């Protein structure tokens, strides 16, 4: 499960909106919001977000236990 609260913070810290992040990873904003709601993204999407947001410790966001 993805820690969406931390991910939202990382997106904002980079000056991006969630809609812009959706475009960067190649999905629609609606799909992005739905994936944030359930906390599940594909591995390709996660990889792009890690690179684009320059996330140093992706484990705490993308591979967290609730």
Foldseek 3Di string as FASTA:
>chain_A
DFPLVVLCVLCVVVVHDCQVLCVQLPHGSVVSVVCSVVVDDDPSSLVSSCVVSVDPDCCVGNVDDD
